[in-house]
Amino acid sequence: MGGELVFICLFIIVFGIAYLHYSTRNKERLALIEKGMDAGIFKQSRETAPVWKVLVLNLALLLMGIGVGILLALLLQEGLGIVNDALFPALIFLMAGTGLLVGFFMTKKYVK
């Protein structure tokens, strides 16, 4: 019973937010039209990069970071003889985060 109540409440919240967003947006546009102003200001084209390009860039850098993390962990384990259970996850997450950070800065450059 508790899970159903949570699901219903969550659905009501999402529906309420969507309803408020669309009804408020409609009222603002109608008020602009009544005053004789152009409602086309809401459709200003901002120069942004296509979403799929940014997604592919970040995904590629994430996967490359994971690969480099595994490679570094293997090199440390075999080359230096470091045996630690936390070595692989630590380096994988560290390099994946580094890849995403590089992706963030590359996306900023790409948008400009």
PDB file of N, CA and C in Angstrom:
ATOM      1  N   MET A   1       0.830  -1.197   0.000  1.00  0.00           N
ATOM      2  CA  MET A   1       0.000   0.000   0.000  1.00  0.00           C
ATOM      3  C   MET A   1       0.871   1.256   0.000  1.00  0.00           C
ATOM      4  N   GLY A   2       1.982   1.232   0.715  1.00  0.00           N
ATOM      5  CA  GLY A   2       2.838   2.403   0.811  1.00  0.00           C
ATOM      6  C   GLY A   2       3.501   2.737  -0.517  1.00  0.00           C
ATOM      7  N   GLY A   3       3.899   1.699  -1.270  1.00  0.00           N
ATOM      8  CA  GLY A   3       4.538   1.916  -2.561  1.00  0.00           C
ATOM      9  C   GLY A   3       3.588   2.524  -3.573  1.00  0.00           C
ATOM     10  N   GLU A   4       2.330   2.078  -3.526  1.00  0.00           N
ATOM     11  CA  GLU A   4       1.330   2.630  -4.437  1.00  0.00           C
ATOM     12  C   GLU A   4       1.063   4.089  -4.138  1.00  0.00           C
ATOM     13  N   LEU A   5       1.032   4.434  -2.855  1.00  0.00           N
ATOM     14  CA  LEU A   5       0.790   5.814  -2.446  1.00  0.00           C
ATOM     15  C   LEU A   5       1.931   6.718  -2.908  1.00  0.00           C
ATOM     16  N   VAL A   6       3.164   6.242  -2.786  1.00  0.00           N
ATOM     17  CA  VAL A   6       4.320   7.019  -3.230  1.00  0.00           C
ATOM     18  C   VAL A   6       4.247   7.232  -4.740  1.00  0.00           C
ATOM     19  N   PHE A   7       3.910   6.186  -5.494  1.00  0.00           N
ATOM     20  CA  PHE A   7       3.802   6.298  -6.945  1.00  0.00           C
ATOM     21  C   PHE A   7       2.728   7.298  -7.347  1.00  0.00           C
ATOM     22  N   ILE A   8       1.580   7.249  -6.680  1.00  0.00           N
ATOM     23  CA  ILE A   8       0.484   8.171  -6.992  1.00  0.00           C
ATOM     24  C   ILE A   8       0.884   9.604  -6.673  1.00  0.00           C
ATOM     25  N   CYS A   9       1.517   9.804  -5.526  1.00  0.00           N
ATOM     26  CA  CYS A   9       1.955  11.154  -5.153  1.00  0.00           C
ATOM     27  C   CYS A   9       2.991  11.682  -6.131  1.00  0.00           C
ATOM     28  N   LEU A  10       3.922  10.837  -6.533  1.00  0.00           N
ATOM     29  CA  LEU A  10       4.943  11.244  -7.491  1.00  0.00           C
ATOM     30  C   LEU A  10       4.312  11.631  -8.824  1.00  0.00           C
ATOM     31  N   PHE A  11       3.336  10.852  -9.286  1.00  0.00           N
ATOM     32  CA  PHE A  11       2.639  11.162 -10.532  1.00  0.00           C
ATOM     33  C   PHE A  11       1.905  12.498 -10.419  1.00  0.00           C
ATOM     34  N   ILE A  12       1.242  12.741  -9.310  1.00  0.00           N
ATOM     35  CA  ILE A  12       0.510  13.994  -9.112  1.00  0.00           C
ATOM     36  C   ILE A  12       1.464  15.179  -9.103  1.00  0.00           C
ATOM     37  N   ILE A  13       2.616  15.027  -8.475  1.00  0.00           N
ATOM     38  CA  ILE A  13       3.600  16.110  -8.425  1.00  0.00           C
ATOM     39  C   ILE A  13       4.121  16.434  -9.823  1.00  0.00           C
ATOM     40  N   VAL A  14       4.481  15.411 -10.584  1.00  0.00           N
ATOM     41  CA  VAL A  14       4.994  15.637 -11.936  1.00  0.00           C
ATOM     42  C   VAL A  14       3.916  16.263 -12.809  1.00  0.00           C
ATOM     43  N   PHE A  15       2.699  15.778 -12.721  1.00  0.00           N
ATOM     44  CA  PHE A  15       1.603  16.354 -13.496  1.00  0.00           C
ATOM     45  C   PHE A  15       1.362  17.805 -13.104  1.00  0.00           C
ATOM     46  N   GLY A  16       1.396  18.109 -11.814  1.00  0.00           N
ATOM     47  CA  GLY A  16       1.175  19.481 -11.347  1.00  0.00           C
ATOM     48  C   GLY A  16       2.247  20.434 -11.842  1.00  0.00           C
ATOM     49  N   ILE A  17       3.492  20.006 -11.805  1.00  0.00           N
ATOM     50  CA  ILE A  17       4.576  20.865 -12.290  1.00  0.00           C
ATOM     51  C   ILE A  17       4.437  21.115 -13.785  1.00  0.00           C
ATOM     52  N   ALA A  18       4.135  20.075 -14.555  1.00  0.00           N
ATOM     53  CA  ALA A  18       3.959  20.240 -16.001  1.00  0.00           C
ATOM     54  C   ALA A  18       2.777  21.153 -16.304  1.00  0.00           C
ATOM     55  N   TYR A  19       1.676  20.981 -15.574  1.00  0.00           N
ATOM     56  CA  TYR A  19       0.499  21.819 -15.795  1.00  0.00           C
ATOM     57  C   TYR A  19       0.809  23.284 -15.496  1.00  0.00           C
ATOM     58  N   LEU A  20       1.450  23.545 -14.379  1.00  0.00           N
ATOM     59  CA  LEU A  20       1.801  24.927 -14.035  1.00  0.00           C
ATOM     60  C   LEU A  20       2.739  25.534 -15.068  1.00  0.00           C
ATOM     61  N   HIS A  21       3.695  24.759 -15.536  1.00  0.00           N
ATOM     62  CA  HIS A  21       4.653  25.275 -16.522  1.00  0.00           C
ATOM     63  C   HIS A  21       3.943  25.684 -17.804  1.00  0.00           C
ATOM     64  N   TYR A  22       3.116  24.805 -18.339  1.00  0.00           N
ATOM     65  CA  TYR A  22       2.460  25.088 -19.616  1.00  0.00           C
ATOM     66  C   TYR A  22       1.374  26.155 -19.488  1.00  0.00           C
ATOM     67  N   SER A  23       0.640  26.160 -18.397  1.00  0.00           N
ATOM     68  CA  SER A  23      -0.411  27.167 -18.251  1.00  0.00           C
ATOM     69  C   SER A  23       0.189  28.557 -18.040  1.00  0.00           C
ATOM     70  N   THR A  24       1.274  28.646 -17.286  1.00  0.00           N
ATOM     71  CA  THR A  24       1.937  29.932 -17.070  1.00  0.00           C
ATOM     72  C   THR A  24       2.544  30.444 -18.366  1.00  0.00           C
ATOM     73  N   ARG A  25       3.159  29.554 -19.124  1.00  0.00           N
ATOM     74  CA  ARG A  25       3.763  29.943 -20.396  1.00  0.00           C
ATOM     75  C   ARG A  25       2.684  30.462 -21.352  1.00  0.00           C
ATOM     76  N   ASN A  26       1.535  29.804 -21.377  1.00  0.00           N
ATOM     77  CA  ASN A  26       0.440  30.232 -22.240  1.00  0.00           C
ATOM     78  C   ASN A  26      -0.077  31.607 -21.822  1.00  0.00           C
ATOM     79  N   LYS A  27      -0.219  31.826 -20.518  1.00  0.00           N
ATOM     80  CA  LYS A  27      -0.719  33.118 -20.034  1.00  0.00           C
ATOM     81  C   LYS A  27       0.252  34.246 -20.369  1.00  0.00           C
ATOM     82  N   GLU A  28       1.545  33.991 -20.248  1.00  0.00           N
ATOM     83  CA  GLU A  28       2.539  35.013 -20.588  1.00  0.00           C
ATOM     84  C   GLU A  28       2.460  35.376 -22.062  1.00  0.00           C
ATOM     85  N   ARG A  29       2.327  34.392 -22.902  1.00  0.00           N
ATOM     86  CA  ARG A  29       2.260  34.654 -24.347  1.00  0.00           C
ATOM     87  C   ARG A  29       0.977  35.386 -24.722  1.00  0.00           C
ATOM     88  N   LEU A  30      -0.129  35.009 -24.095  1.00  0.00           N
ATOM     89  CA  LEU A  30      -1.380  35.719 -24.370  1.00  0.00           C
ATOM     90  C   LEU A  30      -1.303  37.169 -23.922  1.00  0.00           C
ATOM     91  N   ALA A  31      -0.660  37.433 -22.797  1.00  0.00           N
ATOM     92  CA  ALA A  31      -0.509  38.807 -22.324  1.00  0.00           C
ATOM     93  C   ALA A  31       0.355  39.619 -23.290  1.00  0.00           C
ATOM     94  N   LEU A  32       1.385  39.009 -23.843  1.00  0.00           N
ATOM     95  CA  LEU A  32       2.217  39.714 -24.820  1.00  0.00           C
ATOM     96  C   LEU A  32       1.425  40.032 -26.082  1.00  0.00           C
ATOM     97  N   ILE A  33       0.633  39.084 -26.534  1.00  0.00           N
ATOM     98  CA  ILE A  33      -0.157  39.296 -27.751  1.00  0.00           C
ATOM     99  C   ILE A  33      -1.204  40.382 -27.524  1.00  0.00           C
ATOM    100  N   GLU A  34      -1.816  40.426 -26.339  1.00  0.00           N
ATOM    101  CA  GLU A  34      -2.812  41.454 -26.034  1.00  0.00           C
ATOM    102  C   GLU A  34      -2.208  42.843 -26.055  1.00  0.00           C
ATOM    103  N   LYS A  35      -0.951  42.949 -25.646  1.00  0.00           N
ATOM    104  CA  LYS A  35      -0.288  44.255 -25.630  1.00  0.00           C
ATOM    105  C   LYS A  35       0.314  44.604 -26.988  1.00  0.00           C
ATOM    106  N   GLY A  36       0.154  43.717 -27.945  1.00  0.00           N
ATOM    107  CA  GLY A  36       0.636  44.001 -29.287  1.00  0.00           C
ATOM    108  C   GLY A  36       2.105  43.688 -29.502  1.00  0.00           C
ATOM    109  N   MET A  37       2.709  43.020 -28.567  1.00  0.00           N
ATOM    110  CA  MET A  37       4.123  42.671 -28.705  1.00  0.00           C
ATOM    111  C   MET A  37       4.249  41.328 -29.416  1.00  0.00           C
ATOM    112  N   ASP A  38       5.422  41.069 -29.935  1.00  0.00           N
ATOM    113  CA  ASP A  38       5.665  39.829 -30.660  1.00  0.00           C
ATOM    114  C   ASP A  38       5.989  38.723 -29.668  1.00  0.00           C
ATOM    115  N   ALA A  39       5.271  37.618 -29.759  1.00  0.00           N
ATOM    116  CA  ALA A  39       5.515  36.487 -28.864  1.00  0.00           C
ATOM    117  C   ALA A  39       6.656  35.616 -29.369  1.00  0.00           C
ATOM    118  N   GLY A  40       7.306  36.015 -30.448  1.00  0.00           N
ATOM    119  CA  GLY A  40       8.410  35.252 -31.009  1.00  0.00           C
ATOM    120  C   GLY A  40       9.685  35.351 -30.199  1.00  0.00           C
ATOM    121  N   ILE A  41       9.691  36.168 -29.140  1.00  0.00           N
ATOM    122  CA  ILE A  41      10.905  36.274 -28.330  1.00  0.00           C
ATOM    123  C   ILE A  41      11.200  34.973 -27.596  1.00  0.00           C
ATOM    124  N   PHE A  42      10.192  34.119 -27.459  1.00  0.00           N
ATOM    125  CA  PHE A  42      10.409  32.848 -26.787  1.00  0.00           C
ATOM    126  C   PHE A  42      11.096  31.842 -27.694  1.00  0.00           C
ATOM    127  N   LYS A  43      11.138  32.135 -28.988  1.00  0.00           N
ATOM    128  CA  LYS A  43      11.743  31.214 -29.934  1.00  0.00           C
ATOM    129  C   LYS A  43      13.091  31.723 -30.438  1.00  0.00           C
ATOM    130  N   GLN A  44      13.781  32.494 -29.619  1.00  0.00           N
ATOM    131  CA  GLN A  44      15.090  32.992 -30.022  1.00  0.00           C
ATOM    132  C   GLN A  44      16.036  31.819 -30.190  1.00  0.00           C
ATOM    133  N   SER A  45      16.736  31.828 -31.287  1.00  0.00           N
ATOM    134  CA  SER A  45      17.675  30.732 -31.522  1.00  0.00           C
ATOM    135  C   SER A  45      19.004  31.082 -30.860  1.00  0.00           C
ATOM    136  N   ARG A  46      19.345  30.295 -29.909  1.00  0.00           N
ATOM    137  CA  ARG A  46      20.637  30.448 -29.256  1.00  0.00           C
ATOM    138  C   ARG A  46      21.621  29.538 -29.964  1.00  0.00           C
ATOM    139  N   GLU A  47      22.821  30.013 -30.104  1.00  0.00           N
ATOM    140  CA  GLU A  47      23.834  29.219 -30.779  1.00  0.00           C
ATOM    141  C   GLU A  47      24.361  28.185 -29.800  1.00  0.00           C
ATOM    142  N   THR A  48      23.824  26.979 -29.894  1.00  0.00           N
ATOM    143  CA  THR A  48      24.285  25.891 -29.049  1.00  0.00           C
ATOM    144  C   THR A  48      24.674  24.714 -29.930  1.00  0.00           C
ATOM    145  N   ALA A  49      25.491  23.875 -29.379  1.00  0.00           N
ATOM    146  CA  ALA A  49      25.913  22.684 -30.104  1.00  0.00           C
ATOM    147  C   ALA A  49      24.772  21.671 -30.101  1.00  0.00           C
ATOM    148  N   PRO A  50      24.672  20.868 -31.141  1.00  0.00           N
ATOM    149  CA  PRO A  50      23.655  19.816 -31.145  1.00  0.00           C
ATOM    150  C   PRO A  50      23.877  18.853 -29.977  1.00  0.00           C
ATOM    151  N   VAL A  51      22.795  18.419 -29.391  1.00  0.00           N
ATOM    152  CA  VAL A  51      22.865  17.584 -28.193  1.00  0.00           C
ATOM    153  C   VAL A  51      23.588  16.269 -28.482  1.00  0.00           C
ATOM    154  N   TRP A  52      23.348  15.692 -29.645  1.00  0.00           N
ATOM    155  CA  TRP A  52      23.948  14.392 -29.939  1.00  0.00           C
ATOM    156  C   TRP A  52      25.457  14.486 -30.045  1.00  0.00           C
ATOM    157  N   LYS A  53      25.975  15.623 -30.529  1.00  0.00           N
ATOM    158  CA  LYS A  53      27.430  15.768 -30.629  1.00  0.00           C
ATOM    159  C   LYS A  53      28.064  15.865 -29.247  1.00  0.00           C
ATOM    160  N   VAL A  54      27.433  16.607 -28.373  1.00  0.00           N
ATOM    161  CA  VAL A  54      27.941  16.742 -27.011  1.00  0.00           C
ATOM    162  C   VAL A  54      27.864  15.402 -26.287  1.00  0.00           C
ATOM    163  N   LEU A  55      26.769  14.680 -26.489  1.00  0.00           N
ATOM    164  CA  LEU A  55      26.595  13.376 -25.855  1.00  0.00           C
ATOM    165  C   LEU A  55      27.647  12.382 -26.340  1.00  0.00           C
ATOM    166  N   VAL A  56      27.875  12.351 -27.649  1.00  0.00           N
ATOM    167  CA  VAL A  56      28.872  11.429 -28.196  1.00  0.00           C
ATOM    168  C   VAL A  56      30.268  11.789 -27.704  1.00  0.00           C
ATOM    169  N   LEU A  57      30.585  13.090 -27.656  1.00  0.00           N
ATOM    170  CA  LEU A  57      31.891  13.528 -27.166  1.00  0.00           C
ATOM    171  C   LEU A  57      32.110  13.104 -25.726  1.00  0.00           C
ATOM    172  N   ASN A  58      31.133  13.354 -24.868  1.00  0.00           N
ATOM    173  CA  ASN A  58      31.279  13.005 -23.455  1.00  0.00           C
ATOM    174  C   ASN A  58      31.303  11.495 -23.248  1.00  0.00           C
ATOM    175  N   LEU A  59      30.508  10.757 -23.997  1.00  0.00           N
ATOM    176  CA  LEU A  59      30.509   9.305 -23.881  1.00  0.00           C
ATOM    177  C   LEU A  59      31.844   8.726 -24.336  1.00  0.00           C
ATOM    178  N   ALA A  60      32.384   9.257 -25.428  1.00  0.00           N
ATOM    179  CA  ALA A  60      33.677   8.778 -25.919  1.00  0.00           C
ATOM    180  C   ALA A  60      34.775   9.050 -24.904  1.00  0.00           C
ATOM    181  N   LEU A  61      34.785  10.244 -24.338  1.00  0.00           N
ATOM    182  CA  LEU A  61      35.814  10.561 -23.347  1.00  0.00           C
ATOM    183  C   LEU A  61      35.635   9.755 -22.065  1.00  0.00           C
ATOM    184  N   LEU A  62      34.404   9.466 -21.696  1.00  0.00           N
ATOM    185  CA  LEU A  62      34.152   8.624 -20.527  1.00  0.00           C
ATOM    186  C   LEU A  62      34.704   7.223 -20.750  1.00  0.00           C
ATOM    187  N   LEU A  63      34.403   6.645 -21.903  1.00  0.00           N
ATOM    188  CA  LEU A  63      34.882   5.289 -22.188  1.00  0.00           C
ATOM    189  C   LEU A  63      36.410   5.255 -22.316  1.00  0.00           C
ATOM    190  N   MET A  64      36.991   6.295 -22.909  1.00  0.00           N
ATOM    191  CA  MET A  64      38.454   6.345 -22.992  1.00  0.00           C
ATOM    192  C   MET A  64      39.066   6.472 -21.599  1.00  0.00           C
ATOM    193  N   GLY A  65      38.420   7.242 -20.730  1.00  0.00           N
ATOM    194  CA  GLY A  65      38.909   7.375 -19.363  1.00  0.00           C
ATOM    195  C   GLY A  65      38.840   6.057 -18.611  1.00  0.00           C
ATOM    196  N   ILE A  66      37.780   5.287 -18.819  1.00  0.00           N
ATOM    197  CA  ILE A  66      37.672   3.974 -18.178  1.00  0.00           C
ATOM    198  C   ILE A  66      38.772   3.052 -18.684  1.00  0.00           C
ATOM    199  N   GLY A  67      39.004   3.087 -19.995  1.00  0.00           N
ATOM    200  CA  GLY A  67      40.070   2.255 -20.565  1.00  0.00           C
ATOM    201  C   GLY A  67      41.440   2.632 -20.035  1.00  0.00           C
ATOM    202  N   VAL A  68      41.721   3.907 -19.935  1.00  0.00           N
ATOM    203  CA  VAL A  68      43.012   4.353 -19.397  1.00  0.00           C
ATOM    204  C   VAL A  68      43.127   3.974 -17.927  1.00  0.00           C
ATOM    205  N   GLY A  69      42.036   4.051 -17.188  1.00  0.00           N
ATOM    206  CA  GLY A  69      42.063   3.657 -15.779  1.00  0.00           C
ATOM    207  C   GLY A  69      42.393   2.188 -15.605  1.00  0.00           C
ATOM    208  N   ILE A  70      41.801   1.333 -16.436  1.00  0.00           N
ATOM    209  CA  ILE A  70      42.108  -0.102 -16.374  1.00  0.00           C
ATOM    210  C   ILE A  70      43.560  -0.348 -16.753  1.00  0.00           C
ATOM    211  N   LEU A  71      44.031   0.339 -17.804  1.00  0.00           N
ATOM    212  CA  LEU A  71      45.412   0.183 -18.239  1.00  0.00           C
ATOM    213  C   LEU A  71      46.398   0.626 -17.161  1.00  0.00           C
ATOM    214  N   LEU A  72      46.147   1.759 -16.541  1.00  0.00           N
ATOM    215  CA  LEU A  72      47.031   2.224 -15.467  1.00  0.00           C
ATOM    216  C   LEU A  72      47.015   1.272 -14.274  1.00  0.00           C
ATOM    217  N   ALA A  73      45.855   0.753 -13.949  1.00  0.00           N
ATOM    218  CA  ALA A  73      45.775  -0.187 -12.827  1.00  0.00           C
ATOM    219  C   ALA A  73      46.564  -1.453 -13.133  1.00  0.00           C
ATOM    220  N   LEU A  74      46.456  -1.948 -14.362  1.00  0.00           N
ATOM    221  CA  LEU A  74      47.241  -3.132 -14.752  1.00  0.00           C
ATOM    222  C   LEU A  74      48.735  -2.843 -14.718  1.00  0.00           C
ATOM    223  N   LEU A  75      49.121  -1.668 -15.222  1.00  0.00           N
ATOM    224  CA  LEU A  75      50.545  -1.312 -15.202  1.00  0.00           C
ATOM    225  C   LEU A  75      51.080  -1.189 -13.780  1.00  0.00           C
ATOM    226  N   LEU A  76      50.306  -0.594 -12.900  1.00  0.00           N
ATOM    227  CA  LEU A  76      50.741  -0.478 -11.501  1.00  0.00           C
ATOM    228  C   LEU A  76      50.790  -1.840 -10.833  1.00  0.00           C
ATOM    229  N   GLN A  77      49.832  -2.681 -11.141  1.00  0.00           N
ATOM    230  CA  GLN A  77      49.779  -3.991 -10.512  1.00  0.00           C
ATOM    231  C   GLN A  77      50.923  -4.888 -11.003  1.00  0.00           C
ATOM    232  N   GLU A  78      51.150  -4.907 -12.298  1.00  0.00           N
ATOM    233  CA  GLU A  78      52.184  -5.784 -12.855  1.00  0.00           C
ATOM    234  C   GLU A  78      53.577  -5.175 -12.737  1.00  0.00           C
ATOM    235  N   GLY A  79      53.697  -3.894 -13.019  1.00  0.00           N
ATOM    236  CA  GLY A  79      55.011  -3.260 -13.033  1.00  0.00           C
ATOM    237  C   GLY A  79      55.586  -3.023 -11.657  1.00  0.00           C
ATOM    238  N   LEU A  80      54.793  -2.504 -10.759  1.00  0.00           N
ATOM    239  CA  LEU A  80      55.284  -2.167  -9.423  1.00  0.00           C
ATOM    240  C   LEU A  80      54.912  -3.203  -8.374  1.00  0.00           C
ATOM    241  N   GLY A  81      54.096  -4.150  -8.730  1.00  0.00           N
ATOM    242  CA  GLY A  81      53.715  -5.211  -7.801  1.00  0.00           C
ATOM    243  C   GLY A  81      52.746  -4.758  -6.724  1.00  0.00           C
ATOM    244  N   ILE A  82      52.011  -3.695  -6.996  1.00  0.00           N
ATOM    245  CA  ILE A  82      51.030  -3.207  -6.027  1.00  0.00           C
ATOM    246  C   ILE A  82      49.810  -4.122  -6.094  1.00  0.00           C
ATOM    247  N   VAL A  83      49.502  -4.767  -4.976  1.00  0.00           N
ATOM    248  CA  VAL A  83      48.338  -5.644  -4.922  1.00  0.00           C
ATOM    249  C   VAL A  83      47.364  -5.040  -3.916  1.00  0.00           C
ATOM    250  N   ASN A  84      46.288  -4.487  -4.453  1.00  0.00           N
ATOM    251  CA  ASN A  84      45.283  -3.860  -3.605  1.00  0.00           C
ATOM    252  C   ASN A  84      43.935  -4.016  -4.293  1.00  0.00           C
ATOM    253  N   ASP A  85      42.928  -4.374  -3.530  1.00  0.00           N
ATOM    254  CA  ASP A  85      41.605  -4.573  -4.108  1.00  0.00           C
ATOM    255  C   ASP A  85      40.973  -3.265  -4.585  1.00  0.00           C
ATOM    256  N   ALA A  86      41.378  -2.157  -4.004  1.00  0.00           N
ATOM    257  CA  ALA A  86      40.775  -0.869  -4.359  1.00  0.00           C
ATOM    258  C   ALA A  86      41.479  -0.195  -5.527  1.00  0.00           C
ATOM    259  N   LEU A  87      42.544  -0.784  -6.050  1.00  0.00           N
ATOM    260  CA  LEU A  87      43.318  -0.151  -7.104  1.00  0.00           C
ATOM    261  C   LEU A  87      42.492   0.013  -8.384  1.00  0.00           C
ATOM    262  N   PHE A  88      41.858  -1.058  -8.836  1.00  0.00           N
ATOM    263  CA  PHE A  88      41.107  -0.996 -10.092  1.00  0.00           C
ATOM    264  C   PHE A  88      39.920  -0.035 -10.016  1.00  0.00           C
ATOM    265  N   PRO A  89      39.031  -0.169  -9.021  1.00  0.00           N
ATOM    266  CA  PRO A  89      37.902   0.779  -8.983  1.00  0.00           C
ATOM    267  C   PRO A  89      38.348   2.228  -8.809  1.00  0.00           C
ATOM    268  N   ALA A  90      39.382   2.439  -7.998  1.00  0.00           N
ATOM    269  CA  ALA A  90      39.837   3.809  -7.756  1.00  0.00           C
ATOM    270  C   ALA A  90      40.350   4.447  -9.043  1.00  0.00           C
ATOM    271  N   LEU A  91      41.187   3.750  -9.768  1.00  0.00           N
ATOM    272  CA  LEU A  91      41.728   4.321 -10.995  1.00  0.00           C
ATOM    273  C   LEU A  91      40.677   4.420 -12.096  1.00  0.00           C
ATOM    274  N   ILE A  92      39.753   3.477 -12.148  1.00  0.00           N
ATOM    275  CA  ILE A  92      38.691   3.561 -13.148  1.00  0.00           C
ATOM    276  C   ILE A  92      37.835   4.795 -12.905  1.00  0.00           C
ATOM    277  N   PHE A  93      37.409   5.011 -11.665  1.00  0.00           N
ATOM    278  CA  PHE A  93      36.580   6.176 -11.370  1.00  0.00           C
ATOM    279  C   PHE A  93      37.366   7.474 -11.512  1.00  0.00           C
ATOM    280  N   LEU A  94      38.621   7.468 -11.122  1.00  0.00           N
ATOM    281  CA  LEU A  94      39.450   8.664 -11.240  1.00  0.00           C
ATOM    282  C   LEU A  94      39.611   9.064 -12.705  1.00  0.00           C
ATOM    283  N   MET A  95      39.927   8.124 -13.554  1.00  0.00           N
ATOM    284  CA  MET A  95      40.145   8.437 -14.960  1.00  0.00           C
ATOM    285  C   MET A  95      38.826   8.702 -15.693  1.00  0.00           C
ATOM    286  N   ALA A  96      37.752   8.047 -15.289  1.00  0.00           N
ATOM    287  CA  ALA A  96      36.447   8.335 -15.892  1.00  0.00           C
ATOM    288  C   ALA A  96      36.017   9.758 -15.552  1.00  0.00           C
ATOM    289  N   GLY A  97      36.215  10.158 -14.313  1.00  0.00           N
ATOM    290  CA  GLY A  97      35.906  11.536 -13.913  1.00  0.00           C
ATOM    291  C   GLY A  97      36.778  12.540 -14.635  1.00  0.00           C
ATOM    292  N   THR A  98      38.044  12.201 -14.819  1.00  0.00           N
ATOM    293  CA  THR A  98      38.940  13.078 -15.569  1.00  0.00           C
ATOM    294  C   THR A  98      38.471  13.206 -17.019  1.00  0.00           C
ATOM    295  N   GLY A  99      38.035  12.093 -17.610  1.00  0.00           N
ATOM    296  CA  GLY A  99      37.516  12.139 -18.973  1.00  0.00           C
ATOM    297  C   GLY A  99      36.278  13.009 -19.086  1.00  0.00           C
ATOM    298  N   LEU A 100      35.394  12.926 -18.110  1.00  0.00           N
ATOM    299  CA  LEU A 100      34.194  13.766 -18.140  1.00  0.00           C
ATOM    300  C   LEU A 100      34.537  15.239 -17.926  1.00  0.00           C
ATOM    301  N   LEU A 101      35.531  15.517 -17.099  1.00  0.00           N
ATOM    302  CA  LEU A 101      35.968  16.896 -16.896  1.00  0.00           C
ATOM    303  C   LEU A 101      36.562  17.467 -18.184  1.00  0.00           C
ATOM    304  N   VAL A 102      37.384  16.674 -18.857  1.00  0.00           N
ATOM    305  CA  VAL A 102      37.934  17.100 -20.149  1.00  0.00           C
ATOM    306  C   VAL A 102      36.804  17.317 -21.150  1.00  0.00           C
ATOM    307  N   GLY A 103      35.802  16.438 -21.126  1.00  0.00           N
ATOM    308  CA  GLY A 103      34.649  16.588 -22.008  1.00  0.00           C
ATOM    309  C   GLY A 103      33.880  17.863 -21.739  1.00  0.00           C
ATOM    310  N   PHE A 104      33.780  18.247 -20.479  1.00  0.00           N
ATOM    311  CA  PHE A 104      33.101  19.498 -20.124  1.00  0.00           C
ATOM    312  C   PHE A 104      33.810  20.690 -20.737  1.00  0.00           C
ATOM    313  N   PHE A 105      35.138  20.728 -20.587  1.00  0.00           N
ATOM    314  CA  PHE A 105      35.885  21.851 -21.127  1.00  0.00           C
ATOM    315  C   PHE A 105      35.905  21.840 -22.653  1.00  0.00           C
ATOM    316  N   MET A 106      35.939  20.664 -23.269  1.00  0.00           N
ATOM    317  CA  MET A 106      35.886  20.595 -24.723  1.00  0.00           C
ATOM    318  C   MET A 106      34.508  21.034 -25.237  1.00  0.00           C
ATOM    319  N   THR A 107      33.461  20.729 -24.506  1.00  0.00           N
ATOM    320  CA  THR A 107      32.118  21.151 -24.899  1.00  0.00           C
ATOM    321  C   THR A 107      32.001  22.671 -24.802  1.00  0.00           C
ATOM    322  N   LYS A 108      32.581  23.269 -23.753  1.00  0.00           N
ATOM    323  CA  LYS A 108      32.575  24.726 -23.642  1.00  0.00           C
ATOM    324  C   LYS A 108      33.284  25.364 -24.814  1.00  0.00           C
ATOM    325  N   LYS A 109      34.415  24.800 -25.227  1.00  0.00           N
ATOM    326  CA  LYS A 109      35.139  25.328 -26.384  1.00  0.00           C
ATOM    327  C   LYS A 109      34.333  25.144 -27.657  1.00  0.00           C
ATOM    328  N   TYR A 110      33.674  24.004 -27.788  1.00  0.00           N
ATOM    329  CA  TYR A 110      32.905  23.690 -28.989  1.00  0.00           C
ATOM    330  C   TYR A 110      31.719  24.635 -29.156  1.00  0.00           C
ATOM    331  N   VAL A 111      31.091  25.002 -28.058  1.00  0.00           N
ATOM    332  CA  VAL A 111      29.925  25.876 -28.123  1.00  0.00           C
ATOM    333  C   VAL A 111      30.327  27.276 -28.544  1.00  0.00           C
ATOM    334  N   LYS A 112      31.495  27.740 -28.119  1.00  0.00           N
ATOM    335  CA  LYS A 112      31.971  29.086 -28.495  1.00  0.00           C
ATOM    336  C   LYS A 112      32.364  29.099 -29.898  1.00  0.00           C
TER     337      LYS A 112
END
